[in-house]
């Protein structure tokens, strides 16, 4: 866990791995600020949490908690893809980065991306990739990413 202060020395934001109790701290509500996210029952949340925990360090979800409110104000995830190319290399895939609308502008998104890229690097990944909207290109460039190629998607209803 890393402590992030608000400039006055007080530890306001803590970045850490997702915990089961984070559901009650607004984790799902935060994801709804990013994309379509239906309500998740406590049972379903626990089941998915345990499933991801079994993947160990190959799938990490980090959160930033505001110690003043006890709420989750930022999150993101990275999963590790194991490949045959590049001498059986690994690639980190960053997903679901979101900062609460009331906490934006506090460098929390940058902290989440740094946490996730550092994890991918520590896992031996030769690169880390992500998809983003046109509106977020400048943000990710500030985080050291470069625009490359085109994303394609096919949704299943």
C-alpha atoms as a PDB file:
ATOM      1  CA  UNK A   1       0.000   0.000   0.000  1.00  0.00           C
ATOM      2  CA  UNK A   2       1.230   3.495  -0.837  1.00  0.00           C
ATOM      3  CA  UNK A   3       0.116   6.655   0.899  1.00  0.00           C
ATOM      4  CA  UNK A   4      -0.571   9.708  -1.233  1.00  0.00           C
ATOM      5  CA  UNK A   5      -0.931  13.042   0.493  1.00  0.00           C
ATOM      6  CA  UNK A   6      -2.794  16.159  -0.416  1.00  0.00           C
ATOM      7  CA  UNK A   7       0.252  18.403  -0.302  1.00  0.00           C
ATOM      8  CA  UNK A   8      -0.207  19.276   3.356  1.00  0.00           C
ATOM      9  CA  UNK A   9       1.427  16.121   4.634  1.00  0.00           C
ATOM     10  CA  UNK A  10      -1.790  14.405   5.692  1.00  0.00           C
ATOM     11  CA  UNK A  11      -2.241  10.942   4.239  1.00  0.00           C
ATOM     12  CA  UNK A  12      -5.542  11.317   2.434  1.00  0.00           C
ATOM     13  CA  UNK A  13      -5.342   8.797  -0.398  1.00  0.00           C
ATOM     14  CA  UNK A  14      -4.101   5.232  -0.079  1.00  0.00           C
ATOM     15  CA  UNK A  15      -3.489   3.055  -3.132  1.00  0.00           C
ATOM     16  CA  UNK A  16      -3.734  -0.687  -2.616  1.00  0.00           C
ATOM     17  CA  UNK A  17      -5.145  -3.914  -3.980  1.00  0.00           C
ATOM     18  CA  UNK A  18      -8.913  -4.365  -4.062  1.00  0.00           C
ATOM     19  CA  UNK A  19     -10.389  -5.873  -0.896  1.00  0.00           C
ATOM     20  CA  UNK A  20     -13.696  -7.681  -0.488  1.00  0.00           C
ATOM     21  CA  UNK A  21     -14.978  -4.873   1.754  1.00  0.00           C
ATOM     22  CA  UNK A  22     -14.502  -2.323  -1.052  1.00  0.00           C
ATOM     23  CA  UNK A  23     -17.912  -3.169  -2.459  1.00  0.00           C
ATOM     24  CA  UNK A  24     -19.380  -1.318   0.516  1.00  0.00           C
ATOM     25  CA  UNK A  25     -17.037   1.618  -0.104  1.00  0.00           C
ATOM     26  CA  UNK A  26     -18.519   2.533  -3.486  1.00  0.00           C
ATOM     27  CA  UNK A  27     -16.392   0.401  -5.808  1.00  0.00           C
ATOM     28  CA  UNK A  28     -19.292  -0.636  -8.079  1.00  0.00           C
ATOM     29  CA  UNK A  29     -20.717   2.900  -8.103  1.00  0.00           C
ATOM     30  CA  UNK A  30     -17.310   4.178  -9.215  1.00  0.00           C
ATOM     31  CA  UNK A  31     -17.228   1.692 -12.110  1.00  0.00           C
ATOM     32  CA  UNK A  32     -20.625   3.036 -13.199  1.00  0.00           C
ATOM     33  CA  UNK A  33     -18.886   6.375 -13.907  1.00  0.00           C
ATOM     34  CA  UNK A  34     -16.786   4.526 -16.504  1.00  0.00           C
ATOM     35  CA  UNK A  35     -19.228   2.296 -18.343  1.00  0.00           C
ATOM     36  CA  UNK A  36     -22.373   0.208 -18.083  1.00  0.00           C
ATOM     37  CA  UNK A  37     -22.177  -1.663 -14.809  1.00  0.00           C
ATOM     38  CA  UNK A  38     -25.270  -3.320 -13.448  1.00  0.00           C
ATOM     39  CA  UNK A  39     -25.841  -3.851  -9.767  1.00  0.00           C
ATOM     40  CA  UNK A  40     -23.753  -6.691  -8.365  1.00  0.00           C
ATOM     41  CA  UNK A  41     -25.057  -8.722  -5.442  1.00  0.00           C
ATOM     42  CA  UNK A  42     -22.812  -9.349  -2.457  1.00  0.00           C
ATOM     43  CA  UNK A  43     -22.709 -13.039  -3.402  1.00  0.00           C
ATOM     44  CA  UNK A  44     -21.716 -12.320  -7.020  1.00  0.00           C
ATOM     45  CA  UNK A  45     -19.109  -9.791  -5.909  1.00  0.00           C
ATOM     46  CA  UNK A  46     -17.560 -12.277  -3.506  1.00  0.00           C
ATOM     47  CA  UNK A  47     -17.575 -15.007  -6.156  1.00  0.00           C
ATOM     48  CA  UNK A  48     -15.817 -12.823  -8.728  1.00  0.00           C
ATOM     49  CA  UNK A  49     -13.396 -11.492  -6.089  1.00  0.00           C
ATOM     50  CA  UNK A  50     -12.418 -15.060  -5.115  1.00  0.00           C
ATOM     51  CA  UNK A  51     -12.110 -16.093  -8.774  1.00  0.00           C
ATOM     52  CA  UNK A  52      -9.730 -13.212  -9.464  1.00  0.00           C
ATOM     53  CA  UNK A  53      -7.795 -13.883  -6.260  1.00  0.00           C
ATOM     54  CA  UNK A  54      -7.030 -17.397  -7.536  1.00  0.00           C
ATOM     55  CA  UNK A  55      -5.230 -15.802 -10.495  1.00  0.00           C
ATOM     56  CA  UNK A  56      -2.719 -14.320  -8.073  1.00  0.00           C
ATOM     57  CA  UNK A  57      -0.518 -11.586  -9.475  1.00  0.00           C
ATOM     58  CA  UNK A  58      -1.675 -12.316 -13.054  1.00  0.00           C
ATOM     59  CA  UNK A  59      -4.730 -10.120 -12.412  1.00  0.00           C
ATOM     60  CA  UNK A  60      -4.542  -7.112 -10.143  1.00  0.00           C
ATOM     61  CA  UNK A  61      -7.201  -4.541  -9.357  1.00  0.00           C
ATOM     62  CA  UNK A  62      -5.995  -1.516  -7.451  1.00  0.00           C
ATOM     63  CA  UNK A  63      -8.073   1.107  -5.703  1.00  0.00           C
ATOM     64  CA  UNK A  64      -7.430   4.452  -4.102  1.00  0.00           C
ATOM     65  CA  UNK A  65      -9.377   5.054  -0.913  1.00  0.00           C
ATOM     66  CA  UNK A  66     -10.062   8.511   0.466  1.00  0.00           C
ATOM     67  CA  UNK A  67      -9.289   8.179   4.180  1.00  0.00           C
ATOM     68  CA  UNK A  68     -11.552  11.132   4.992  1.00  0.00           C
ATOM     69  CA  UNK A  69     -14.696   9.601   3.523  1.00  0.00           C
ATOM     70  CA  UNK A  70     -13.770   5.913   3.450  1.00  0.00           C
ATOM     71  CA  UNK A  71     -14.841   5.827  -0.205  1.00  0.00           C
ATOM     72  CA  UNK A  72     -13.051   4.343  -3.195  1.00  0.00           C
ATOM     73  CA  UNK A  73     -12.236   7.293  -5.479  1.00  0.00           C
ATOM     74  CA  UNK A  74     -10.105   5.643  -8.176  1.00  0.00           C
ATOM     75  CA  UNK A  75      -9.476   2.196  -9.589  1.00  0.00           C
ATOM     76  CA  UNK A  76      -7.876   0.320 -12.440  1.00  0.00           C
ATOM     77  CA  UNK A  77      -6.818  -3.204 -13.289  1.00  0.00           C
ATOM     78  CA  UNK A  78      -4.054  -5.014 -15.121  1.00  0.00           C
ATOM     79  CA  UNK A  79      -3.948  -8.592 -16.300  1.00  0.00           C
ATOM     80  CA  UNK A  80      -0.935 -10.462 -17.589  1.00  0.00           C
ATOM     81  CA  UNK A  81      -1.117 -12.247 -20.938  1.00  0.00           C
ATOM     82  CA  UNK A  82       1.398 -15.050 -21.418  1.00  0.00           C
ATOM     83  CA  UNK A  83       2.579 -15.351 -25.021  1.00  0.00           C
ATOM     84  CA  UNK A  84       4.747 -17.578 -27.204  1.00  0.00           C
ATOM     85  CA  UNK A  85       6.284 -14.635 -29.050  1.00  0.00           C
ATOM     86  CA  UNK A  86       9.189 -12.622 -27.625  1.00  0.00           C
ATOM     87  CA  UNK A  87      10.725 -15.687 -25.969  1.00  0.00           C
ATOM     88  CA  UNK A  88       7.462 -16.630 -24.256  1.00  0.00           C
ATOM     89  CA  UNK A  89       7.072 -13.041 -23.143  1.00  0.00           C
ATOM     90  CA  UNK A  90       4.309 -11.410 -21.150  1.00  0.00           C
ATOM     91  CA  UNK A  91       2.146  -8.370 -21.891  1.00  0.00           C
ATOM     92  CA  UNK A  92       0.246  -6.321 -19.337  1.00  0.00           C
ATOM     93  CA  UNK A  93      -3.246  -5.164 -20.301  1.00  0.00           C
ATOM     94  CA  UNK A  94      -4.571  -2.160 -18.379  1.00  0.00           C
ATOM     95  CA  UNK A  95      -8.341  -1.903 -18.100  1.00  0.00           C
ATOM     96  CA  UNK A  96     -11.121  -0.056 -16.285  1.00  0.00           C
ATOM     97  CA  UNK A  97      -9.215   3.021 -15.104  1.00  0.00           C
ATOM     98  CA  UNK A  98     -11.595   5.543 -13.548  1.00  0.00           C
ATOM     99  CA  UNK A  99     -11.371   8.396 -11.060  1.00  0.00           C
ATOM    100  CA  UNK A 100     -14.445   9.664  -9.249  1.00  0.00           C
ATOM    101  CA  UNK A 101     -15.770  12.818 -10.900  1.00  0.00           C
ATOM    102  CA  UNK A 102     -15.378  14.733  -7.625  1.00  0.00           C
ATOM    103  CA  UNK A 103     -11.688  13.736  -7.270  1.00  0.00           C
ATOM    104  CA  UNK A 104     -10.450  14.396 -10.798  1.00  0.00           C
ATOM    105  CA  UNK A 105      -7.529  16.777 -11.201  1.00  0.00           C
ATOM    106  CA  UNK A 106      -5.705  15.349  -8.161  1.00  0.00           C
ATOM    107  CA  UNK A 107      -3.291  13.141 -10.156  1.00  0.00           C
ATOM    108  CA  UNK A 108      -5.085   9.998  -8.926  1.00  0.00           C
ATOM    109  CA  UNK A 109      -5.480   8.568 -12.426  1.00  0.00           C
ATOM    110  CA  UNK A 110      -1.765   8.971 -12.995  1.00  0.00           C
ATOM    111  CA  UNK A 111      -1.069   7.185  -9.695  1.00  0.00           C
ATOM    112  CA  UNK A 112      -3.331   4.290 -10.687  1.00  0.00           C
ATOM    113  CA  UNK A 113      -1.638   3.931 -14.089  1.00  0.00           C
ATOM    114  CA  UNK A 114       1.833   4.080 -12.482  1.00  0.00           C
ATOM    115  CA  UNK A 115       0.840   1.428  -9.914  1.00  0.00           C
ATOM    116  CA  UNK A 116      -0.459  -0.874 -12.654  1.00  0.00           C
ATOM    117  CA  UNK A 117       2.487  -0.364 -15.017  1.00  0.00           C
ATOM    118  CA  UNK A 118       4.937  -0.955 -12.165  1.00  0.00           C
ATOM    119  CA  UNK A 119       3.135  -4.208 -11.377  1.00  0.00           C
ATOM    120  CA  UNK A 120       3.317  -5.313 -15.028  1.00  0.00           C
ATOM    121  CA  UNK A 121       7.016  -4.491 -15.108  1.00  0.00           C
ATOM    122  CA  UNK A 122       7.640  -6.407 -11.885  1.00  0.00           C
ATOM    123  CA  UNK A 123       5.882  -9.413 -13.459  1.00  0.00           C
ATOM    124  CA  UNK A 124       8.387  -9.376 -16.339  1.00  0.00           C
ATOM    125  CA  UNK A 125       6.149  -7.890 -19.031  1.00  0.00           C
ATOM    126  CA  UNK A 126       7.959  -6.527 -22.069  1.00  0.00           C
ATOM    127  CA  UNK A 127       5.174  -3.974 -22.637  1.00  0.00           C
ATOM    128  CA  UNK A 128       1.887  -2.781 -21.226  1.00  0.00           C
ATOM    129  CA  UNK A 129      -1.021  -1.795 -23.455  1.00  0.00           C
ATOM    130  CA  UNK A 130      -4.470  -0.275 -23.076  1.00  0.00           C
ATOM    131  CA  UNK A 131      -7.418   0.994 -25.059  1.00  0.00           C
ATOM    132  CA  UNK A 132      -8.850   4.458 -24.488  1.00  0.00           C
ATOM    133  CA  UNK A 133     -11.194   6.982 -26.012  1.00  0.00           C
ATOM    134  CA  UNK A 134      -9.906   9.838 -28.165  1.00  0.00           C
ATOM    135  CA  UNK A 135     -10.670  12.160 -25.238  1.00  0.00           C
ATOM    136  CA  UNK A 136      -8.184  10.307 -23.012  1.00  0.00           C
ATOM    137  CA  UNK A 137      -5.227  10.099 -25.406  1.00  0.00           C
ATOM    138  CA  UNK A 138      -3.521  13.198 -23.935  1.00  0.00           C
ATOM    139  CA  UNK A 139      -3.837  11.811 -20.401  1.00  0.00           C
ATOM    140  CA  UNK A 140      -2.217   8.495 -21.313  1.00  0.00           C
ATOM    141  CA  UNK A 141       0.510  10.262 -23.290  1.00  0.00           C
ATOM    142  CA  UNK A 142       1.360  12.156 -20.074  1.00  0.00           C
ATOM    143  CA  UNK A 143       1.653   8.724 -18.436  1.00  0.00           C
ATOM    144  CA  UNK A 144       4.245   7.685 -21.036  1.00  0.00           C
ATOM    145  CA  UNK A 145       2.028   5.804 -23.504  1.00  0.00           C
ATOM    146  CA  UNK A 146       2.116   6.269 -27.278  1.00  0.00           C
ATOM    147  CA  UNK A 147      -0.744   5.964 -29.735  1.00  0.00           C
ATOM    148  CA  UNK A 148      -0.326   2.792 -31.807  1.00  0.00           C
ATOM    149  CA  UNK A 149      -2.567   1.008 -34.299  1.00  0.00           C
ATOM    150  CA  UNK A 150      -6.354   0.726 -34.078  1.00  0.00           C
ATOM    151  CA  UNK A 151      -8.679  -1.083 -31.702  1.00  0.00           C
ATOM    152  CA  UNK A 152     -11.406  -3.311 -33.079  1.00  0.00           C
ATOM    153  CA  UNK A 153     -14.287  -4.742 -31.067  1.00  0.00           C
ATOM    154  CA  UNK A 154     -17.136  -7.192 -31.516  1.00  0.00           C
ATOM    155  CA  UNK A 155     -19.788  -7.293 -28.804  1.00  0.00           C
ATOM    156  CA  UNK A 156     -21.945 -10.308 -28.018  1.00  0.00           C
ATOM    157  CA  UNK A 157     -25.473  -9.519 -26.865  1.00  0.00           C
END
